[in-house]
PDB file of all heavy atoms in Angstrom:
ATOM      1  N   MET A   1     -42.847  53.970 -35.591  1.00  0.00           N
ATOM      2  CA  MET A   1     -43.051  54.976 -34.581  1.00  0.00           C
ATOM      3  C   MET A   1     -44.232  54.726 -33.646  1.00  0.00           C
ATOM      4  O   MET A   1     -44.186  55.088 -32.468  1.00  0.00           O
ATOM      5  CB  MET A   1     -43.219  56.389 -35.227  1.00  0.00           C
ATOM      6  CG  MET A   1     -41.988  56.817 -36.008  1.00  0.00           C
ATOM      7  SD  MET A   1     -40.460  56.800 -35.049  1.00  0.00           S
ATOM      8  CE  MET A   1     -40.751  58.119 -33.929  1.00  0.00           C
ATOM      9  N   VAL A   2     -45.308  54.099 -34.137  1.00  0.00           N
ATOM     10  CA  VAL A   2     -46.493  53.890 -33.303  1.00  0.00           C
ATOM     11  C   VAL A   2     -46.191  53.101 -32.048  1.00  0.00           C
ATOM     12  O   VAL A   2     -46.547  53.499 -30.946  1.00  0.00           O
ATOM     13  CB  VAL A   2     -47.650  53.265 -34.115  1.00  0.00           C
ATOM     14  CG1 VAL A   2     -48.742  52.725 -33.229  1.00  0.00           C
ATOM     15  CG2 VAL A   2     -48.220  54.298 -35.090  1.00  0.00           C
ATOM     16  N   PRO A   3     -45.453  51.949 -32.133  1.00  0.00           N
ATOM     17  CA  PRO A   3     -45.137  51.247 -30.892  1.00  0.00           C
ATOM     18  C   PRO A   3     -44.319  52.101 -29.910  1.00  0.00           C
ATOM     19  O   PRO A   3     -44.554  52.071 -28.718  1.00  0.00           O
ATOM     20  CB  PRO A   3     -44.333  50.036 -31.367  1.00  0.00           C
ATOM     21  CG  PRO A   3     -44.695  49.848 -32.785  1.00  0.00           C
ATOM     22  CD  PRO A   3     -44.997  51.200 -33.324  1.00  0.00           C
ATOM     23  N   TYR A   4     -43.397  52.872 -30.474  1.00  0.00           N
ATOM     24  CA  TYR A   4     -42.577  53.765 -29.625  1.00  0.00           C
ATOM     25  C   TYR A   4     -43.456  54.771 -28.934  1.00  0.00           C
ATOM     26  O   TYR A   4     -43.353  55.008 -27.710  1.00  0.00           O
ATOM     27  CB  TYR A   4     -41.501  54.428 -30.442  1.00  0.00           C
ATOM     28  CG  TYR A   4     -40.819  55.570 -29.724  1.00  0.00           C
ATOM     29  CD1 TYR A   4     -39.874  55.311 -28.738  1.00  0.00           C
ATOM     30  CD2 TYR A   4     -41.164  56.873 -30.002  1.00  0.00           C
ATOM     31  CE1 TYR A   4     -39.252  56.355 -28.051  1.00  0.00           C
ATOM     32  CE2 TYR A   4     -40.561  57.935 -29.309  1.00  0.00           C
ATOM     33  CZ  TYR A   4     -39.616  57.648 -28.346  1.00  0.00           C
ATOM     34  OH  TYR A   4     -39.020  58.689 -27.649  1.00  0.00           O
ATOM     35  N   PHE A   5     -44.345  55.443 -29.687  1.00  0.00           N
ATOM     36  CA  PHE A   5     -45.216  56.454 -29.118  1.00  0.00           C
ATOM     37  C   PHE A   5     -46.191  55.872 -28.084  1.00  0.00           C
ATOM     38  O   PHE A   5     -46.483  56.484 -27.072  1.00  0.00           O
ATOM     39  CB  PHE A   5     -45.987  57.192 -30.201  1.00  0.00           C
ATOM     40  CG  PHE A   5     -45.129  58.160 -31.011  1.00  0.00           C
ATOM     41  CD1 PHE A   5     -45.306  58.278 -32.365  1.00  0.00           C
ATOM     42  CD2 PHE A   5     -44.172  58.957 -30.399  1.00  0.00           C
ATOM     43  CE1 PHE A   5     -44.548  59.179 -33.108  1.00  0.00           C
ATOM     44  CE2 PHE A   5     -43.392  59.812 -31.123  1.00  0.00           C
ATOM     45  CZ  PHE A   5     -43.595  59.936 -32.478  1.00  0.00           C
ATOM     46  N   LEU A   6     -46.709  54.676 -28.337  1.00  0.00           N
ATOM     47  CA  LEU A   6     -47.597  54.049 -27.365  1.00  0.00           C
ATOM     48  C   LEU A   6     -46.867  53.738 -26.043  1.00  0.00           C
ATOM     49  O   LEU A   6     -47.392  53.977 -24.975  1.00  0.00           O
ATOM     50  CB  LEU A   6     -48.167  52.732 -27.942  1.00  0.00           C
ATOM     51  CG  LEU A   6     -49.211  52.927 -29.063  1.00  0.00           C
ATOM     52  CD1 LEU A   6     -49.592  51.593 -29.662  1.00  0.00           C
ATOM     53  CD2 LEU A   6     -50.416  53.713 -28.585  1.00  0.00           C
ATOM     54  N   LYS A   7     -45.674  53.257 -26.169  1.00  0.00           N
ATOM     55  CA  LYS A   7     -44.876  52.982 -25.001  1.00  0.00           C
ATOM     56  C   LYS A   7     -44.551  54.283 -24.239  1.00  0.00           C
ATOM     57  O   LYS A   7     -44.667  54.343 -23.012  1.00  0.00           O
ATOM     58  CB  LYS A   7     -43.542  52.276 -25.407  1.00  0.00           C
ATOM     59  CG  LYS A   7     -42.671  51.855 -24.252  1.00  0.00           C
ATOM     60  CD  LYS A   7     -41.463  51.110 -24.788  1.00  0.00           C
ATOM     61  CE  LYS A   7     -40.520  50.758 -23.673  1.00  0.00           C
ATOM     62  NZ  LYS A   7     -39.308  50.086 -24.180  1.00  0.00           N
ATOM     63  N   HIS A   8     -44.231  55.307 -25.000  1.00  0.00           N
ATOM     64  CA  HIS A   8     -43.887  56.606 -24.375  1.00  0.00           C
ATOM     65  C   HIS A   8     -45.163  57.194 -23.725  1.00  0.00           C
ATOM     66  O   HIS A   8     -45.086  57.787 -22.647  1.00  0.00           O
ATOM     67  CB  HIS A   8     -43.328  57.541 -25.431  1.00  0.00           C
ATOM     68  CG  HIS A   8     -42.743  58.782 -24.874  1.00  0.00           C
ATOM     69  ND1 HIS A   8     -41.646  58.779 -24.046  1.00  0.00           N
ATOM     70  CD2 HIS A   8     -43.065  60.110 -25.000  1.00  0.00           C
ATOM     71  CE1 HIS A   8     -41.334  59.993 -23.685  1.00  0.00           C
ATOM     72  NE2 HIS A   8     -42.186  60.818 -24.239  1.00  0.00           N
ATOM     73  N   ARG A   9     -46.309  57.039 -24.361  1.00  0.00           N
ATOM     74  CA  ARG A   9     -47.560  57.539 -23.791  1.00  0.00           C
ATOM     75  C   ARG A   9     -47.866  56.852 -22.476  1.00  0.00           C
ATOM     76  O   ARG A   9     -48.248  57.514 -21.509  1.00  0.00           O
ATOM     77  CB  ARG A   9     -48.718  57.345 -24.764  1.00  0.00           C
ATOM     78  CG  ARG A   9     -50.041  57.898 -24.229  1.00  0.00           C
ATOM     79  CD  ARG A   9     -51.168  57.807 -25.209  1.00  0.00           C
ATOM     80  NE  ARG A   9     -51.532  56.423 -25.461  1.00  0.00           N
ATOM     81  CZ  ARG A   9     -52.465  56.037 -26.290  1.00  0.00           C
ATOM     82  NH1 ARG A   9     -53.146  56.928 -26.981  1.00  0.00           N
ATOM     83  NH2 ARG A   9     -52.737  54.775 -26.432  1.00  0.00           N
ATOM     84  N   SER A  10     -47.693  55.521 -22.407  1.00  0.00           N
ATOM     85  CA  SER A  10     -47.956  54.834 -21.150  1.00  0.00           C
ATOM     86  C   SER A  10     -46.974  55.281 -20.051  1.00  0.00           C
ATOM     87  O   SER A  10     -47.354  55.448 -18.897  1.00  0.00           O
ATOM     88  CB  SER A  10     -47.930  53.322 -21.326  1.00  0.00           C
ATOM     89  OG  SER A  10     -46.609  52.841 -21.392  1.00  0.00           O
ATOM     90  N   TYR A  11     -45.730  55.515 -20.459  1.00  0.00           N
ATOM     91  CA  TYR A  11     -44.751  56.014 -19.490  1.00  0.00           C
ATOM     92  C   TYR A  11     -45.176  57.412 -18.976  1.00  0.00           C
ATOM     93  O   TYR A  11     -45.145  57.678 -17.758  1.00  0.00           O
ATOM     94  CB  TYR A  11     -43.370  56.130 -20.144  1.00  0.00           C
ATOM     95  CG  TYR A  11     -42.389  56.954 -19.385  1.00  0.00           C
ATOM     96  CD1 TYR A  11     -41.772  56.470 -18.248  1.00  0.00           C
ATOM     97  CD2 TYR A  11     -42.043  58.263 -19.797  1.00  0.00           C
ATOM     98  CE1 TYR A  11     -40.887  57.238 -17.508  1.00  0.00           C
ATOM     99  CE2 TYR A  11     -41.176  59.019 -19.083  1.00  0.00           C
ATOM    100  CZ  TYR A  11     -40.588  58.505 -17.912  1.00  0.00           C
ATOM    101  OH  TYR A  11     -39.695  59.281 -17.226  1.00  0.00           O
ATOM    102  N   LEU A  12     -45.600  58.285 -19.899  1.00  0.00           N
ATOM    103  CA  LEU A  12     -46.037  59.639 -19.496  1.00  0.00           C
ATOM    104  C   LEU A  12     -47.251  59.585 -18.604  1.00  0.00           C
ATOM    105  O   LEU A  12     -47.366  60.359 -17.643  1.00  0.00           O
ATOM    106  CB  LEU A  12     -46.268  60.506 -20.715  1.00  0.00           C
ATOM    107  CG  LEU A  12     -45.022  60.900 -21.533  1.00  0.00           C
ATOM    108  CD1 LEU A  12     -45.431  61.644 -22.792  1.00  0.00           C
ATOM    109  CD2 LEU A  12     -44.082  61.729 -20.685  1.00  0.00           C
ATOM    110  N   ARG A  13     -48.172  58.686 -18.899  1.00  0.00           N
ATOM    111  CA  ARG A  13     -49.366  58.541 -18.037  1.00  0.00           C
ATOM    112  C   ARG A  13     -48.992  58.099 -16.636  1.00  0.00           C
ATOM    113  O   ARG A  13     -49.554  58.552 -15.654  1.00  0.00           O
ATOM    114  CB  ARG A  13     -50.371  57.582 -18.660  1.00  0.00           C
ATOM    115  CG  ARG A  13     -51.118  58.190 -19.835  1.00  0.00           C
ATOM    116  CD  ARG A  13     -52.121  57.228 -20.412  1.00  0.00           C
ATOM    117  NE  ARG A  13     -52.893  57.880 -21.468  1.00  0.00           N
ATOM    118  CZ  ARG A  13     -53.647  57.264 -22.318  1.00  0.00           C
ATOM    119  NH1 ARG A  13     -53.786  55.957 -22.282  1.00  0.00           N
ATOM    120  NH2 ARG A  13     -54.320  57.923 -23.244  1.00  0.00           N
ATOM    121  N   ARG A  14     -48.064  57.150 -16.570  1.00  0.00           N
ATOM    122  CA  ARG A  14     -47.612  56.663 -15.235  1.00  0.00           C
ATOM    123  C   ARG A  14     -46.951  57.811 -14.464  1.00  0.00           C
ATOM    124  O   ARG A  14     -47.242  58.016 -13.289  1.00  0.00           O
ATOM    125  CB  ARG A  14     -46.627  55.506 -15.431  1.00  0.00           C
ATOM    126  CG  ARG A  14     -46.166  54.926 -14.091  1.00  0.00           C
ATOM    127  CD  ARG A  14     -45.342  53.630 -14.254  1.00  0.00           C
ATOM    128  NE  ARG A  14     -44.429  53.624 -15.380  1.00  0.00           N
ATOM    129  CZ  ARG A  14     -43.208  54.113 -15.393  1.00  0.00           C
ATOM    130  NH1 ARG A  14     -42.714  54.697 -14.311  1.00  0.00           N
ATOM    131  NH2 ARG A  14     -42.431  54.018 -16.460  1.00  0.00           N
ATOM    132  N   VAL A  15     -46.108  58.573 -15.130  1.00  0.00           N
ATOM    133  CA  VAL A  15     -45.438  59.730 -14.484  1.00  0.00           C
ATOM    134  C   VAL A  15     -46.497  60.729 -14.065  1.00  0.00           C
ATOM    135  O   VAL A  15     -46.403  61.312 -12.953  1.00  0.00           O
ATOM    136  CB  VAL A  15     -44.375  60.334 -15.408  1.00  0.00           C
ATOM    137  CG1 VAL A  15     -43.881  61.666 -14.885  1.00  0.00           C
ATOM    138  CG2 VAL A  15     -43.234  59.376 -15.649  1.00  0.00           C
ATOM    139  N   LEU A  16     -47.509  60.982 -14.905  1.00  0.00           N
ATOM    140  CA  LEU A  16     -48.571  61.939 -14.572  1.00  0.00           C
ATOM    141  C   LEU A  16     -49.334  61.479 -13.324  1.00  0.00           C
ATOM    142  O   LEU A  16     -49.571  62.296 -12.421  1.00  0.00           O
ATOM    143  CB  LEU A  16     -49.524  62.086 -15.749  1.00  0.00           C
ATOM    144  CG  LEU A  16     -50.732  63.006 -15.514  1.00  0.00           C
ATOM    145  CD1 LEU A  16     -50.275  64.434 -15.267  1.00  0.00           C
ATOM    146  CD2 LEU A  16     -51.680  62.934 -16.693  1.00  0.00           C
ATOM    147  N   ARG A  17     -49.661  60.186 -13.250  1.00  0.00           N
ATOM    148  CA  ARG A  17     -50.335  59.676 -12.072  1.00  0.00           C
ATOM    149  C   ARG A  17     -49.492  59.867 -10.816  1.00  0.00           C
ATOM    150  O   ARG A  17     -49.986  60.274  -9.738  1.00  0.00           O
ATOM    151  CB  ARG A  17     -50.695  58.173 -12.223  1.00  0.00           C
ATOM    152  CG  ARG A  17     -51.939  57.921 -13.069  1.00  0.00           C
ATOM    153  CD  ARG A  17     -52.382  56.468 -12.985  1.00  0.00           C
ATOM    154  NE  ARG A  17     -51.357  55.512 -13.398  1.00  0.00           N
ATOM    155  CZ  ARG A  17     -51.178  55.089 -14.601  1.00  0.00           C
ATOM    156  NH1 ARG A  17     -51.909  55.523 -15.585  1.00  0.00           N
ATOM    157  NH2 ARG A  17     -50.215  54.197 -14.870  1.00  0.00           N
ATOM    158  N   GLU A  18     -48.191  59.588 -10.925  1.00  0.00           N
ATOM    159  CA  GLU A  18     -47.294  59.767  -9.788  1.00  0.00           C
ATOM    160  C   GLU A  18     -47.276  61.243  -9.352  1.00  0.00           C
ATOM    161  O   GLU A  18     -47.317  61.528  -8.155  1.00  0.00           O
ATOM    162  CB  GLU A  18     -45.899  59.269 -10.133  1.00  0.00           C
ATOM    163  CG  GLU A  18     -45.787  57.770 -10.284  1.00  0.00           C
ATOM    164  CD  GLU A  18     -44.430  57.343 -10.851  1.00  0.00           C
ATOM    165  OE1 GLU A  18     -43.543  58.185 -11.098  1.00  0.00           O
ATOM    166  OE2 GLU A  18     -44.274  56.143 -11.041  1.00  0.00           O
ATOM    167  N   LYS A  19     -47.186  62.151 -10.302  1.00  0.00           N
ATOM    168  CA  LYS A  19     -47.118  63.577  -9.992  1.00  0.00           C
ATOM    169  C   LYS A  19     -48.435  64.066  -9.404  1.00  0.00           C
ATOM    170  O   LYS A  19     -48.468  64.898  -8.502  1.00  0.00           O
ATOM    171  CB  LYS A  19     -46.775  64.396 -11.227  1.00  0.00           C
ATOM    172  CG  LYS A  19     -45.343  64.171 -11.756  1.00  0.00           C
ATOM    173  CD  LYS A  19     -44.328  64.535 -10.702  1.00  0.00           C
ATOM    174  CE  LYS A  19     -42.927  64.211 -11.159  1.00  0.00           C
ATOM    175  NZ  LYS A  19     -41.925  64.402 -10.117  1.00  0.00           N
ATOM    176  N   GLU A  20     -49.557  63.532  -9.948  1.00  0.00           N
ATOM    177  CA  GLU A  20     -50.847  63.938  -9.403  1.00  0.00           C
ATOM    178  C   GLU A  20     -50.995  63.472  -7.945  1.00  0.00           C
ATOM    179  O   GLU A  20     -51.479  64.190  -7.078  1.00  0.00           O
ATOM    180  CB  GLU A  20     -51.995  63.355 -10.242  1.00  0.00           C
ATOM    181  CG  GLU A  20     -52.195  64.095 -11.567  1.00  0.00           C
ATOM    182  CD  GLU A  20     -53.212  63.420 -12.472  1.00  0.00           C
ATOM    183  OE1 GLU A  20     -53.537  62.235 -12.251  1.00  0.00           O
ATOM    184  OE2 GLU A  20     -53.669  64.116 -13.391  1.00  0.00           O
ATOM    185  N   GLU A  21     -50.529  62.267  -7.664  1.00  0.00           N
ATOM    186  CA  GLU A  21     -50.569  61.735  -6.304  1.00  0.00           C
ATOM    187  C   GLU A  21     -49.652  62.562  -5.388  1.00  0.00           C
ATOM    188  O   GLU A  21     -50.034  62.911  -4.262  1.00  0.00           O
ATOM    189  CB  GLU A  21     -50.114  60.268  -6.288  1.00  0.00           C
ATOM    190  CG  GLU A  21     -50.087  59.641  -4.898  1.00  0.00           C
ATOM    191  CD  GLU A  21     -51.458  59.536  -4.232  1.00  0.00           C
ATOM    192  OE1 GLU A  21     -52.492  59.599  -4.942  1.00  0.00           O
ATOM    193  OE2 GLU A  21     -51.483  59.472  -2.998  1.00  0.00           O
ATOM    194  N   GLU A  22     -48.495  62.896  -5.890  1.00  0.00           N
ATOM    195  CA  GLU A  22     -47.563  63.741  -5.127  1.00  0.00           C
ATOM    196  C   GLU A  22     -48.192  65.119  -4.854  1.00  0.00           C
ATOM    197  O   GLU A  22     -48.129  65.612  -3.749  1.00  0.00           O
ATOM    198  CB  GLU A  22     -46.281  63.883  -5.951  1.00  0.00           C
ATOM    199  CG  GLU A  22     -45.145  64.609  -5.230  1.00  0.00           C
ATOM    200  CD  GLU A  22     -43.892  64.673  -6.086  1.00  0.00           C
ATOM    201  OE1 GLU A  22     -43.539  63.659  -6.773  1.00  0.00           O
ATOM    202  OE2 GLU A  22     -43.273  65.741  -6.104  1.00  0.00           O
ATOM    203  N   ASN A  23     -48.853  65.698  -5.878  1.00  0.00           N
ATOM    204  CA  ASN A  23     -49.517  67.008  -5.715  1.00  0.00           C
ATOM    205  C   ASN A  23     -50.669  66.907  -4.705  1.00  0.00           C
ATOM    206  O   ASN A  23     -50.864  67.826  -3.910  1.00  0.00           O
ATOM    207  CB  ASN A  23     -50.015  67.508  -7.036  1.00  0.00           C
ATOM    208  CG  ASN A  23     -48.913  68.049  -7.941  1.00  0.00           C
ATOM    209  OD1 ASN A  23     -47.804  68.266  -7.481  1.00  0.00           O
ATOM    210  ND2 ASN A  23     -49.214  68.214  -9.221  1.00  0.00           N
ATOM    211  N   ARG A  24     -51.416  65.783  -4.755  1.00  0.00           N
ATOM    212  CA  ARG A  24     -52.517  65.614  -3.822  1.00  0.00           C
ATOM    213  C   ARG A  24     -51.980  65.607  -2.363  1.00  0.00           C
ATOM    214  O   ARG A  24     -52.527  66.256  -1.492  1.00  0.00           O
ATOM    215  CB  ARG A  24     -53.285  64.307  -4.114  1.00  0.00           C
ATOM    216  CG  ARG A  24     -54.527  64.126  -3.267  1.00  0.00           C
ATOM    217  CD  ARG A  24     -55.135  62.743  -3.496  1.00  0.00           C
ATOM    218  NE  ARG A  24     -54.272  61.622  -3.160  1.00  0.00           N
ATOM    219  CZ  ARG A  24     -53.947  61.270  -1.904  1.00  0.00           C
ATOM    220  NH1 ARG A  24     -54.433  61.925  -0.884  1.00  0.00           N
ATOM    221  NH2 ARG A  24     -53.140  60.252  -1.680  1.00  0.00           N
ATOM    222  N   LYS A  25     -50.892  64.861  -2.171  1.00  0.00           N
ATOM    223  CA  LYS A  25     -50.289  64.810  -0.827  1.00  0.00           C
ATOM    224  C   LYS A  25     -49.778  66.168  -0.391  1.00  0.00           C
ATOM    225  O   LYS A  25     -49.962  66.583   0.764  1.00  0.00           O
ATOM    226  CB  LYS A  25     -49.143  63.791  -0.787  1.00  0.00           C
ATOM    227  CG  LYS A  25     -49.622  62.341  -0.856  1.00  0.00           C
ATOM    228  CD  LYS A  25     -48.455  61.383  -0.878  1.00  0.00           C
ATOM    229  CE  LYS A  25     -48.943  59.929  -0.973  1.00  0.00           C
ATOM    230  NZ  LYS A  25     -47.842  58.994  -1.009  1.00  0.00           N
ATOM    231  N   VAL A  26     -49.176  66.902  -1.294  1.00  0.00           N
ATOM    232  CA  VAL A  26     -48.681  68.252  -0.975  1.00  0.00           C
ATOM    233  C   VAL A  26     -49.860  69.150  -0.650  1.00  0.00           C
ATOM    234  O   VAL A  26     -49.805  69.967   0.299  1.00  0.00           O
ATOM    235  CB  VAL A  26     -47.818  68.804  -2.128  1.00  0.00           C
ATOM    236  CG1 VAL A  26     -47.513  70.282  -1.913  1.00  0.00           C
ATOM    237  CG2 VAL A  26     -46.498  68.040  -2.237  1.00  0.00           C
ATOM    238  N   ALA A  27     -50.947  69.051  -1.431  1.00  0.00           N
ATOM    239  CA  ALA A  27     -52.132  69.903  -1.184  1.00  0.00           C
ATOM    240  C   ALA A  27     -52.734  69.606   0.182  1.00  0.00           C
ATOM    241  O   ALA A  27     -53.101  70.505   0.923  1.00  0.00           O
ATOM    242  CB  ALA A  27     -53.168  69.697  -2.293  1.00  0.00           C
ATOM    243  N   GLU A  28     -52.795  68.300   0.540  1.00  0.00           N
ATOM    244  CA  GLU A  28     -53.294  67.905   1.894  1.00  0.00           C
ATOM    245  C   GLU A  28     -52.415  68.504   2.966  1.00  0.00           C
ATOM    246  O   GLU A  28     -52.897  69.020   3.975  1.00  0.00           O
ATOM    247  CB  GLU A  28     -53.331  66.394   2.026  1.00  0.00           C
ATOM    248  CG  GLU A  28     -54.469  65.738   1.289  1.00  0.00           C
ATOM    249  CD  GLU A  28     -54.423  64.214   1.420  1.00  0.00           C
ATOM    250  OE1 GLU A  28     -53.550  63.705   2.182  1.00  0.00           O
ATOM    251  OE2 GLU A  28     -55.227  63.546   0.759  1.00  0.00           O
ATOM    252  N   SER A  29     -51.095  68.437   2.739  1.00  0.00           N
ATOM    253  CA  SER A  29     -50.144  68.981   3.689  1.00  0.00           C
ATOM    254  C   SER A  29     -50.334  70.465   3.829  1.00  0.00           C
ATOM    255  O   SER A  29     -50.320  71.001   4.949  1.00  0.00           O
ATOM    256  CB  SER A  29     -48.724  68.632   3.250  1.00  0.00           C
ATOM    257  OG  SER A  29     -47.783  69.229   4.046  1.00  0.00           O
ATOM    258  N   VAL A  30     -50.544  71.155   2.731  1.00  0.00           N
ATOM    259  CA  VAL A  30     -50.745  72.603   2.769  1.00  0.00           C
ATOM    260  C   VAL A  30     -52.042  72.947   3.531  1.00  0.00           C
ATOM    261  O   VAL A  30     -52.048  73.825   4.389  1.00  0.00           O
ATOM    262  CB  VAL A  30     -50.782  73.199   1.345  1.00  0.00           C
ATOM    263  CG1 VAL A  30     -51.311  74.607   1.350  1.00  0.00           C
ATOM    264  CG2 VAL A  30     -49.411  73.158   0.709  1.00  0.00           C
ATOM    265  N   LEU A  31     -53.109  72.178   3.278  1.00  0.00           N
ATOM    266  CA  LEU A  31     -54.376  72.417   3.960  1.00  0.00           C
ATOM    267  C   LEU A  31     -54.240  72.158   5.456  1.00  0.00           C
ATOM    268  O   LEU A  31     -54.753  72.929   6.294  1.00  0.00           O
ATOM    269  CB  LEU A  31     -55.505  71.548   3.376  1.00  0.00           C
ATOM    270  CG  LEU A  31     -55.962  71.945   1.974  1.00  0.00           C
ATOM    271  CD1 LEU A  31     -56.978  70.926   1.450  1.00  0.00           C
ATOM    272  CD2 LEU A  31     -56.493  73.341   1.947  1.00  0.00           C
ATOM    273  N   MET A  32     -53.490  71.101   5.799  1.00  0.00           N
ATOM    274  CA  MET A  32     -53.277  70.822   7.226  1.00  0.00           C
ATOM    275  C   MET A  32     -52.447  71.936   7.849  1.00  0.00           C
ATOM    276  O   MET A  32     -52.735  72.346   8.992  1.00  0.00           O
ATOM    277  CB  MET A  32     -52.559  69.466   7.402  1.00  0.00           C
ATOM    278  CG  MET A  32     -53.508  68.299   7.130  1.00  0.00           C
ATOM    279  SD  MET A  32     -52.792  66.608   7.243  1.00  0.00           S
ATOM    280  CE  MET A  32     -51.236  66.772   8.009  1.00  0.00           C
ATOM    281  N   GLY A  33     -51.496  72.462   7.103  1.00  0.00           N
ATOM    282  CA  GLY A  33     -50.684  73.571   7.597  1.00  0.00           C
ATOM    283  C   GLY A  33     -51.542  74.807   7.794  1.00  0.00           C
ATOM    284  O   GLY A  33     -51.358  75.530   8.816  1.00  0.00           O
TER     285      GLY A  33
END
């Protein structure tokens, strides 16, 4: 299970970074609005 969980953790971190970037762009858009 450890290799599976490590792989899943890196996948979740990548998705989190993508969502944080997406949220940052949306927040900038809201502020500009």
